[in-house]
Amino acid sequence: MTMDRSLKVQAGAIKSRNVLTRAERVARLKEIDRFDENADIIGMAKTRVQKISLKKKKKVKKADEK
């Protein structure tokens, strides 16, 4: 059975997730030096997720050479 075109993921349609996995949160907290090895895992600090928006490139008009 084939998949409908509207259901396929396109390369530019990948969106940023607003929820990180525990491993991603620990890695992010280590980057900003807020992770404590001895602290309880239940009360882990929140991390901000950066949303990346891609802007469309402007078309460059080329001058016609005569």
C-alpha atoms as a PDB file:
ATOM      1  CA  MET A   1       0.000   0.000   0.000  1.00  0.00           C
ATOM      2  CA  THR A   2       1.371   3.430  -0.878  1.00  0.00           C
ATOM      3  CA  MET A   3       1.532   6.448   1.406  1.00  0.00           C
ATOM      4  CA  ASP A   4      -0.357   9.616   0.502  1.00  0.00           C
ATOM      5  CA  ARG A   5       1.854  12.556  -0.527  1.00  0.00           C
ATOM      6  CA  SER A   6       0.429  14.791   2.210  1.00  0.00           C
ATOM      7  CA  LEU A   7       1.620  12.384   4.928  1.00  0.00           C
ATOM      8  CA  LYS A   8       5.259  12.225   3.843  1.00  0.00           C
ATOM      9  CA  VAL A   9       7.778  14.285   5.797  1.00  0.00           C
ATOM     10  CA  GLN A  10       9.603  16.793   3.667  1.00  0.00           C
ATOM     11  CA  ALA A  11      13.155  17.887   4.427  1.00  0.00           C
ATOM     12  CA  GLY A  12      12.121  21.461   5.277  1.00  0.00           C
ATOM     13  CA  ALA A  13       9.159  20.412   7.395  1.00  0.00           C
ATOM     14  CA  ILE A  14      11.158  19.178  10.387  1.00  0.00           C
ATOM     15  CA  LYS A  15      10.068  21.260  13.357  1.00  0.00           C
ATOM     16  CA  SER A  16      11.797  21.801  16.659  1.00  0.00           C
ATOM     17  CA  ARG A  17      10.450  19.815  19.584  1.00  0.00           C
ATOM     18  CA  ASN A  18       9.318  21.607  22.708  1.00  0.00           C
ATOM     19  CA  VAL A  19      10.083  18.668  25.023  1.00  0.00           C
ATOM     20  CA  LEU A  20      13.552  17.256  25.554  1.00  0.00           C
ATOM     21  CA  THR A  21      14.389  13.738  26.665  1.00  0.00           C
ATOM     22  CA  ARG A  22      16.074  13.302  30.044  1.00  0.00           C
ATOM     23  CA  ALA A  23      19.449  12.659  28.399  1.00  0.00           C
ATOM     24  CA  GLU A  24      19.118  15.830  26.309  1.00  0.00           C
ATOM     25  CA  ARG A  25      18.193  17.856  29.409  1.00  0.00           C
ATOM     26  CA  VAL A  26      21.183  16.519  31.340  1.00  0.00           C
ATOM     27  CA  ALA A  27      23.500  17.339  28.425  1.00  0.00           C
ATOM     28  CA  ARG A  28      22.056  20.847  28.159  1.00  0.00           C
ATOM     29  CA  LEU A  29      22.377  21.441  31.918  1.00  0.00           C
ATOM     30  CA  LYS A  30      26.010  20.281  31.811  1.00  0.00           C
ATOM     31  CA  GLU A  31      26.704  22.782  29.018  1.00  0.00           C
ATOM     32  CA  ILE A  32      25.469  25.679  31.140  1.00  0.00           C
ATOM     33  CA  ASP A  33      27.015  24.280  34.377  1.00  0.00           C
ATOM     34  CA  ARG A  34      23.703  23.848  36.234  1.00  0.00           C
ATOM     35  CA  PHE A  35      23.735  20.046  36.587  1.00  0.00           C
ATOM     36  CA  ASP A  36      24.453  18.630  40.036  1.00  0.00           C
ATOM     37  CA  GLU A  37      25.496  14.966  40.116  1.00  0.00           C
ATOM     38  CA  ASN A  38      24.298  14.534  43.726  1.00  0.00           C
ATOM     39  CA  ALA A  39      20.896  16.171  43.287  1.00  0.00           C
ATOM     40  CA  ASP A  40      17.679  14.166  42.982  1.00  0.00           C
ATOM     41  CA  ILE A  41      16.656  13.449  39.388  1.00  0.00           C
ATOM     42  CA  ILE A  42      12.989  14.239  40.142  1.00  0.00           C
ATOM     43  CA  GLY A  43      13.546  17.960  40.755  1.00  0.00           C
ATOM     44  CA  MET A  44      15.758  18.546  37.722  1.00  0.00           C
ATOM     45  CA  ALA A  45      15.924  22.155  36.530  1.00  0.00           C
ATOM     46  CA  LYS A  46      14.001  23.216  33.443  1.00  0.00           C
ATOM     47  CA  THR A  47      15.829  24.039  30.243  1.00  0.00           C
ATOM     48  CA  ARG A  48      14.776  26.439  27.535  1.00  0.00           C
ATOM     49  CA  VAL A  49      14.346  25.011  24.056  1.00  0.00           C
ATOM     50  CA  GLN A  50      15.558  27.272  21.282  1.00  0.00           C
ATOM     51  CA  LYS A  51      13.166  27.470  18.364  1.00  0.00           C
ATOM     52  CA  ILE A  52      14.885  27.874  15.049  1.00  0.00           C
ATOM     53  CA  SER A  53      12.966  29.557  12.281  1.00  0.00           C
ATOM     54  CA  LEU A  54      14.286  29.318   8.774  1.00  0.00           C
ATOM     55  CA  LYS A  55      13.913  32.374   6.599  1.00  0.00           C
ATOM     56  CA  LYS A  56      13.403  32.081   2.886  1.00  0.00           C
ATOM     57  CA  LYS A  57      16.279  33.300   0.778  1.00  0.00           C
ATOM     58  CA  LYS A  58      15.599  36.296  -1.420  1.00  0.00           C
ATOM     59  CA  LYS A  59      15.979  35.786  -5.123  1.00  0.00           C
ATOM     60  CA  VAL A  60      18.824  37.771  -6.624  1.00  0.00           C
ATOM     61  CA  LYS A  61      17.982  39.554  -9.846  1.00  0.00           C
ATOM     62  CA  LYS A  62      20.699  39.230 -12.423  1.00  0.00           C
ATOM     63  CA  ALA A  63      21.320  42.069 -14.849  1.00  0.00           C
ATOM     64  CA  ASP A  64      20.988  41.021 -18.482  1.00  0.00           C
ATOM     65  CA  GLU A  65      24.261  41.479 -20.330  1.00  0.00           C
ATOM     66  CA  LYS A  66      24.008  42.738 -23.914  1.00  0.00           C
END
